[in-house]
Amino acid sequence: MFQSRLNYRLINFLALIALVYLLITSAGLWVGILTRIISLLSPFIVGFAFAYAFTPLVRWLQKNGFGKTFSILSIIFGILLFLGLILWITLPLLYDQLSLLVKMVVELTNNLSSKFDMNLGTYEITITDYLNDILKEIGTFASSTGINVVNKSFGFIGKFIVGFVAFIYFLIDMDKIRNSVKEWLKSISTRSFEYIRLMDEEITNYLKGLEIFMLIQLFEYSLLFLIVGHPNWLILGILACITTVIPYFGGLITNIIAIILASVVSTRLMICTILICLIFPQVDGYFISPRVYGKTNNVNPLVTIMVVTVGGSLLGIPGIIIALPIYLLIRTTYHFFKPDIQKGMGIVKQNI
């Protein structure tokens, strides 16, 4: 009798409200716990992401006759060599370029003062002191890099080592992981498997094209800046390769740095650098990029700029990097469920 009078829907609704209230009032606690969990798992998440990104390269090497073990070892040693090359080359060149920049600023202010009878003494001293302070900081950093990195960045180094080891294991077992996920999805639903397969295909094509395009950028701009005699040709090639992950804006950053560094050396070099920065991005955008990425990842330039801007506003640099892949996933999701959406809209129109 009493049970028949109970309104279970009302009880469930009140329980749901109470649960939501508890979650809201303790949001800080749950966010802190979630942040801590993500921080602990971040090396493994990053390791898996890089393993997933380099899997197309492993497959490409295997298709060209190399064994899986050799392909994986080649990628690991290549990454280590690349990182070591950046560390050993970037710091000395940066120090040398700043030293040259200090001399050029002093010479420029002296020429302005003598030619136009301008008293720039105070500004000259201020600018020179500022650049010299930067130079001293870099010199101190370069001379004690090992000790400072170990003392101040021990946590980062530990996470890097764990993430790199996880990357190796994930890269070795990526085929097994993919097959396990494939079988699990098939057991749940064929449609779910097809949906995940399409998203995986879209991101794999994007990563494959990105890796090929990064290598092209590395050799293309290193060779171009070497031909015109730019003293930082290798660094600019590496920078062009790395900033490829940032559509449009990454190349602009590299070009600006290249022109500034060239202006310190000579007017002829600055003009040659400007010509490279004006001509070859157009070649990349209209000829090389479409052939590398193909029609699968063809995205309107305006849409790309908007997506990258939104990603940067929300998450900063990580948001800029992942903005385009996320857009590709959203676009794939929309096209996959488009017939269902149109069918649902048709039913709504009929009912209205």
Protein backbone atom coordinates (compact mmCIF):
# COMPACT_ATOMS: atom_id res chain seq x y z
CA MET A 1 0.00 0.00 0.00
CA PHE A 2 2.72 2.43 1.02
CA GLN A 3 4.98 1.33 -1.84
CA SER A 4 2.20 1.95 -4.36
CA ARG A 5 2.03 5.57 -3.23
CA LEU A 6 5.76 6.16 -3.80
CA ASN A 7 6.62 8.20 -6.86
CA TYR A 8 9.83 6.52 -8.00
CA ARG A 9 10.29 8.99 -10.84
CA LEU A 10 10.25 11.86 -8.38
CA ILE A 11 12.68 10.03 -6.07
CA ASN A 12 15.06 9.36 -8.96
CA PHE A 13 14.80 12.96 -10.09
CA LEU A 14 15.57 14.26 -6.60
CA ALA A 15 18.48 11.84 -6.32
CA LEU A 16 19.83 13.11 -9.63
CA ILE A 17 19.52 16.73 -8.46
CA ALA A 18 21.31 15.85 -5.22
CA LEU A 19 24.10 14.14 -7.17
CA VAL A 20 24.49 17.13 -9.50
CA TYR A 21 24.54 19.48 -6.49
CA LEU A 22 27.28 17.42 -4.82
CA LEU A 23 29.31 17.41 -8.02
CA ILE A 24 28.99 21.18 -8.44
CA THR A 25 29.83 21.99 -4.82
CA SER A 26 32.84 19.67 -4.90
CA ALA A 27 33.91 20.63 -8.43
CA GLY A 28 37.24 21.97 -7.20
CA LEU A 29 38.07 18.64 -5.57
CA TRP A 30 37.16 16.61 -8.66
CA VAL A 31 39.02 18.97 -11.00
CA GLY A 32 42.09 18.69 -8.77
CA ILE A 33 41.86 14.89 -8.78
CA LEU A 34 41.35 14.81 -12.54
CA THR A 35 44.26 17.19 -13.10
CA ARG A 36 46.49 15.03 -10.93
CA ILE A 37 45.48 11.87 -12.79
CA ILE A 38 46.14 13.53 -16.16
CA SER A 39 49.52 14.79 -14.88
CA LEU A 40 50.49 11.27 -13.82
CA LEU A 41 49.29 9.71 -17.08
CA SER A 42 50.57 12.50 -19.34
CA PRO A 43 53.86 10.72 -20.27
CA PHE A 44 51.89 7.66 -21.38
CA ILE A 45 49.30 9.75 -23.23
CA VAL A 46 52.01 11.70 -25.07
CA GLY A 47 53.95 8.51 -25.74
CA PHE A 48 50.88 6.83 -27.25
CA ALA A 49 50.10 9.94 -29.34
CA PHE A 50 53.61 10.01 -30.82
CA ALA A 51 53.56 6.24 -31.41
CA TYR A 52 50.24 6.61 -33.23
CA ALA A 53 51.68 9.50 -35.27
CA PHE A 54 54.81 7.57 -36.30
CA THR A 55 52.99 4.34 -37.14
CA PRO A 56 52.34 5.43 -40.77
CA LEU A 57 56.10 5.99 -41.17
CA VAL A 58 56.80 2.47 -39.84
CA ARG A 59 54.31 1.06 -42.35
CA TRP A 60 55.87 3.07 -45.16
CA LEU A 61 59.33 1.71 -44.34
CA GLN A 62 57.96 -1.83 -44.17
CA LYS A 63 56.27 -1.45 -47.57
CA ASN A 64 59.64 -0.42 -49.01
CA GLY A 65 61.28 -3.66 -47.93
CA PHE A 66 62.57 -2.84 -44.44
CA GLY A 67 61.81 -5.11 -41.49
CA LYS A 68 59.68 -3.92 -38.60
CA THR A 69 62.57 -4.01 -36.11
CA PHE A 70 64.83 -2.00 -38.41
CA SER A 71 62.05 0.50 -39.14
CA ILE A 72 61.32 1.12 -35.46
CA LEU A 73 65.03 1.38 -34.55
CA SER A 74 65.57 3.83 -37.43
CA ILE A 75 62.77 6.06 -36.17
CA ILE A 76 64.02 5.96 -32.55
CA PHE A 77 67.62 6.79 -33.48
CA GLY A 78 66.39 9.44 -35.90
CA ILE A 79 64.41 11.18 -33.16
CA LEU A 80 67.35 11.04 -30.74
CA LEU A 81 69.70 12.39 -33.40
CA PHE A 82 67.26 15.16 -34.28
CA LEU A 83 66.87 16.26 -30.65
CA GLY A 84 70.61 16.14 -30.05
CA LEU A 85 71.26 18.13 -33.21
CA ILE A 86 68.87 20.86 -32.09
CA LEU A 87 70.47 21.13 -28.65
CA TRP A 88 74.07 21.18 -29.88
CA ILE A 89 73.53 23.56 -32.79
CA THR A 90 70.81 25.95 -31.65
CA LEU A 91 72.42 27.35 -28.48
CA PRO A 92 75.84 28.27 -29.96
CA LEU A 93 74.28 29.76 -33.09
CA LEU A 94 71.79 31.74 -31.04
CA TYR A 95 74.61 33.11 -28.89
CA ASP A 96 76.68 34.06 -31.96
CA GLN A 97 73.71 35.72 -33.65
CA LEU A 98 72.88 37.79 -30.57
CA SER A 99 76.52 38.85 -30.30
CA LEU A 100 76.41 39.98 -33.91
CA LEU A 101 73.07 41.69 -33.30
CA VAL A 102 74.57 43.76 -30.45
CA LYS A 103 77.39 44.94 -32.70
CA MET A 104 74.99 45.76 -35.53
CA VAL A 105 72.69 47.79 -33.23
CA VAL A 106 75.64 49.82 -31.95
CA GLU A 107 76.87 50.38 -35.50
CA LEU A 108 73.38 51.35 -36.69
CA THR A 109 72.86 53.91 -33.92
CA ASN A 110 76.32 55.39 -34.55
CA ASN A 111 75.55 55.75 -38.27
CA LEU A 112 72.20 57.43 -37.55
CA SER A 113 73.85 59.80 -35.12
CA SER A 114 76.61 60.79 -37.54
CA LYS A 115 74.53 61.02 -40.75
CA PHE A 116 71.49 62.82 -39.38
CA ASP A 117 73.18 64.65 -36.52
CA MET A 118 70.93 62.90 -33.99
CA ASN A 119 71.81 62.40 -30.36
CA LEU A 120 70.95 58.73 -29.73
CA GLY A 121 73.40 58.21 -26.90
CA THR A 122 70.79 57.38 -24.24
CA TYR A 123 68.85 55.03 -26.50
CA GLU A 124 72.06 53.41 -27.70
CA ILE A 125 73.17 52.69 -24.16
CA THR A 126 69.73 51.37 -23.19
CA ILE A 127 69.40 49.03 -26.17
CA THR A 128 72.98 47.82 -25.87
CA ASP A 129 72.63 47.15 -22.15
CA TYR A 130 69.40 45.26 -22.73
CA LEU A 131 70.92 43.06 -25.44
CA ASN A 132 74.06 42.50 -23.40
CA ASP A 133 71.90 41.34 -20.46
CA ILE A 134 70.19 38.83 -22.75
CA LEU A 135 73.57 37.73 -24.03
CA LYS A 136 74.89 37.20 -20.51
CA GLU A 137 71.82 35.16 -19.57
CA ILE A 138 72.25 32.93 -22.61
CA GLY A 139 75.95 32.62 -21.95
CA THR A 140 75.29 31.58 -18.36
CA PHE A 141 72.65 29.13 -19.52
CA ALA A 142 74.91 27.64 -22.19
CA SER A 143 77.86 27.27 -19.81
CA SER A 144 75.88 25.52 -17.09
CA THR A 145 73.14 23.81 -19.08
CA GLY A 146 73.74 20.32 -17.74
CA ILE A 147 73.66 21.29 -14.05
CA ASN A 148 70.70 23.66 -14.42
CA VAL A 149 68.64 21.19 -16.41
CA VAL A 150 69.25 18.41 -13.90
CA ASN A 151 68.58 20.64 -10.89
CA LYS A 152 65.61 22.65 -12.17
CA SER A 153 64.00 20.29 -14.66
CA PHE A 154 64.41 16.89 -13.03
CA GLY A 155 60.65 16.30 -13.10
CA PHE A 156 60.45 17.14 -16.79
CA ILE A 157 63.41 14.92 -17.63
CA GLY A 158 61.84 12.06 -15.67
CA LYS A 159 58.55 12.46 -17.53
CA PHE A 160 60.39 12.71 -20.83
CA ILE A 161 62.25 9.44 -20.18
CA VAL A 162 59.05 7.66 -19.12
CA GLY A 163 57.17 9.05 -22.12
CA PHE A 164 59.95 8.08 -24.53
CA VAL A 165 60.11 4.53 -23.16
CA ALA A 166 56.29 4.34 -23.39
CA PHE A 167 56.54 5.63 -26.96
CA ILE A 168 58.92 2.79 -27.87
CA TYR A 169 56.68 0.11 -26.35
CA PHE A 170 53.52 1.58 -27.88
CA LEU A 171 55.24 1.81 -31.28
CA ILE A 172 56.27 -1.85 -31.08
CA ASP A 173 52.81 -3.04 -30.00
CA MET A 174 50.72 -0.57 -32.02
CA ASP A 175 49.52 -3.24 -34.47
CA LYS A 176 48.40 -5.47 -31.58
CA ILE A 177 46.65 -2.53 -29.90
CA ARG A 178 44.85 -1.59 -33.11
CA ASN A 179 43.75 -5.18 -33.74
CA SER A 180 42.46 -5.52 -30.17
CA VAL A 181 40.46 -2.29 -30.45
CA LYS A 182 39.17 -3.42 -33.85
CA GLU A 183 37.91 -6.75 -32.50
CA TRP A 184 36.35 -5.03 -29.48
CA LEU A 185 34.50 -2.53 -31.64
CA LYS A 186 33.25 -5.26 -33.96
CA SER A 187 31.89 -7.15 -30.98
CA ILE A 188 29.95 -4.06 -29.87
CA SER A 189 28.60 -2.80 -33.17
CA THR A 190 29.57 -2.97 -36.84
CA ARG A 191 28.49 0.64 -37.28
CA SER A 192 30.68 1.78 -34.37
CA PHE A 193 33.63 -0.05 -35.92
CA GLU A 194 33.00 1.59 -39.30
CA TYR A 195 32.81 5.03 -37.67
CA ILE A 196 36.09 4.59 -35.75
CA ARG A 197 37.72 3.13 -38.87
CA LEU A 198 36.85 6.22 -40.90
CA MET A 199 38.20 8.55 -38.20
CA ASP A 200 41.38 6.49 -37.95
CA GLU A 201 41.79 6.62 -41.72
CA GLU A 202 41.31 10.39 -41.75
CA ILE A 203 43.85 11.06 -39.00
CA THR A 204 46.32 8.52 -40.43
CA ASN A 205 46.20 10.26 -43.82
CA TYR A 206 46.73 13.61 -42.11
CA LEU A 207 49.70 12.36 -40.06
CA LYS A 208 51.22 10.60 -43.06
CA GLY A 209 50.99 13.75 -45.13
CA LEU A 210 52.28 15.89 -42.26
CA GLU A 211 55.37 13.71 -41.75
CA ILE A 212 56.21 13.72 -45.47
CA PHE A 213 55.63 17.47 -45.70
CA MET A 214 57.85 18.09 -42.65
CA LEU A 215 60.71 16.20 -44.28
CA ILE A 216 60.21 18.15 -47.51
CA GLN A 217 60.26 21.44 -45.59
CA LEU A 218 63.44 20.41 -43.77
CA PHE A 219 65.41 19.67 -46.94
CA GLU A 220 63.78 22.41 -49.05
CA TYR A 221 64.47 25.38 -46.78
CA SER A 222 67.82 24.10 -45.51
CA LEU A 223 68.99 23.87 -49.13
CA LEU A 224 67.51 27.23 -50.13
CA PHE A 225 69.05 29.14 -47.22
CA LEU A 226 72.36 27.33 -47.76
CA ILE A 227 72.40 28.40 -51.44
CA VAL A 228 71.87 32.09 -50.60
CA GLY A 229 74.54 31.90 -47.88
CA HIS A 230 72.39 32.28 -44.79
CA PRO A 231 74.58 31.44 -41.75
CA ASN A 232 71.63 29.81 -39.96
CA TRP A 233 70.50 27.63 -42.86
CA LEU A 234 70.27 24.40 -40.87
CA ILE A 235 68.44 25.98 -37.92
CA LEU A 236 65.94 27.63 -40.26
CA GLY A 237 65.40 24.31 -42.05
CA ILE A 238 64.75 22.57 -38.74
CA LEU A 239 62.47 25.42 -37.65
CA ALA A 240 60.53 25.23 -40.92
CA CYS A 241 60.15 21.49 -40.36
CA ILE A 242 58.91 21.83 -36.77
CA THR A 243 56.54 24.75 -37.36
CA THR A 244 54.80 22.81 -40.14
CA VAL A 245 52.51 21.42 -37.43
CA ILE A 246 51.06 24.96 -37.18
CA PRO A 247 49.22 25.59 -40.47
CA TYR A 248 50.00 28.94 -42.17
CA PHE A 249 51.21 30.70 -39.01
CA GLY A 250 54.13 28.31 -38.49
CA GLY A 251 55.68 29.21 -41.83
CA LEU A 252 55.13 32.89 -41.14
CA ILE A 253 57.05 32.61 -37.85
CA THR A 254 59.98 30.92 -39.61
CA ASN A 255 60.02 33.55 -42.36
CA ILE A 256 60.06 36.45 -39.91
CA ILE A 257 62.95 34.92 -37.96
CA ALA A 258 64.86 34.23 -41.18
CA ILE A 259 64.46 37.83 -42.40
CA ILE A 260 65.47 39.33 -39.02
CA LEU A 261 68.60 37.18 -38.84
CA ALA A 262 69.47 37.98 -42.46
CA SER A 263 69.08 41.73 -41.85
CA VAL A 264 71.84 41.52 -39.26
CA VAL A 265 74.27 40.04 -41.80
CA SER A 266 73.83 42.02 -45.03
CA THR A 267 71.30 43.77 -47.25
CA ARG A 268 71.88 41.30 -50.11
CA LEU A 269 71.16 38.34 -47.85
CA MET A 270 68.02 40.04 -46.49
CA ILE A 271 66.70 40.60 -50.04
CA CYS A 272 67.41 36.96 -51.01
CA THR A 273 65.71 35.77 -47.82
CA ILE A 274 62.65 37.93 -48.48
CA LEU A 275 62.40 36.48 -52.00
CA ILE A 276 62.56 32.94 -50.59
CA CYS A 277 59.90 33.77 -47.99
CA LEU A 278 57.61 35.27 -50.62
CA ILE A 279 57.98 32.74 -53.45
CA PHE A 280 58.43 29.29 -51.93
CA PRO A 281 55.49 29.35 -49.45
CA GLN A 282 53.31 29.83 -52.53
CA VAL A 283 55.00 26.84 -54.19
CA ASP A 284 54.40 24.80 -51.03
CA GLY A 285 50.78 25.90 -50.70
CA TYR A 286 49.66 25.48 -54.31
CA PHE A 287 51.82 22.63 -55.62
CA ILE A 288 53.58 20.56 -52.94
CA SER A 289 50.96 20.51 -50.16
CA PRO A 290 47.99 19.40 -52.35
CA ARG A 291 50.05 16.54 -53.78
CA VAL A 292 51.26 15.42 -50.36
CA TYR A 293 47.94 15.58 -48.51
CA GLY A 294 45.77 14.69 -51.49
CA LYS A 295 42.04 15.30 -51.57
CA THR A 296 41.29 13.42 -48.34
CA ASN A 297 42.48 16.18 -46.01
CA ASN A 298 41.64 19.05 -48.33
CA VAL A 299 40.54 21.91 -46.06
CA ASN A 300 39.62 25.42 -47.13
CA PRO A 301 42.41 27.87 -46.13
CA LEU A 302 39.91 30.24 -44.47
CA VAL A 303 38.46 27.37 -42.43
CA THR A 304 41.99 26.32 -41.43
CA ILE A 305 42.85 29.82 -40.20
CA MET A 306 39.58 30.06 -38.24
CA VAL A 307 40.08 26.61 -36.66
CA VAL A 308 43.69 27.36 -35.70
CA THR A 309 42.67 30.73 -34.23
CA VAL A 310 39.93 29.16 -32.11
CA GLY A 311 42.26 26.38 -30.96
CA GLY A 312 44.92 28.90 -29.96
CA SER A 313 42.40 31.04 -28.08
CA LEU A 314 41.10 28.05 -26.09
CA LEU A 315 44.24 26.00 -25.39
CA GLY A 316 47.22 28.06 -26.51
CA ILE A 317 50.00 26.33 -28.47
CA PRO A 318 48.64 22.78 -27.88
CA GLY A 319 45.27 24.00 -29.17
CA ILE A 320 46.91 25.36 -32.33
CA ILE A 321 48.61 22.01 -32.98
CA ILE A 322 45.54 19.81 -32.43
CA ALA A 323 42.97 22.22 -33.91
CA LEU A 324 43.12 20.88 -37.48
CA PRO A 325 43.03 17.16 -36.52
CA ILE A 326 40.02 17.82 -34.27
CA TYR A 327 38.29 19.66 -37.12
CA LEU A 328 38.96 16.68 -39.41
CA LEU A 329 37.40 14.36 -36.83
CA ILE A 330 34.34 16.61 -36.49
CA ARG A 331 34.00 16.81 -40.28
CA THR A 332 34.27 13.03 -40.59
CA THR A 333 31.67 12.58 -37.84
CA TYR A 334 29.28 14.93 -39.60
CA HIS A 335 29.63 13.18 -42.98
CA PHE A 336 29.24 9.75 -41.36
CA PHE A 337 26.03 10.67 -39.52
CA LYS A 338 24.72 13.03 -42.23
CA PRO A 339 22.13 10.54 -43.56
CA ASP A 340 20.80 9.99 -40.01
CA ILE A 341 20.66 13.76 -39.42
CA GLN A 342 18.80 14.33 -42.68
CA LYS A 343 16.40 11.49 -41.88
CA GLY A 344 15.72 12.94 -38.43
CA MET A 345 15.16 16.43 -39.87
CA GLY A 346 12.70 14.94 -42.38
CA ILE A 347 10.72 13.29 -39.58
CA VAL A 348 10.64 16.59 -37.63
CA LYS A 349 9.38 18.48 -40.71
CA GLN A 350 6.64 15.89 -41.26
CA ASN A 351 5.48 16.18 -37.65
CA ILE A 352 5.47 19.96 -37.84
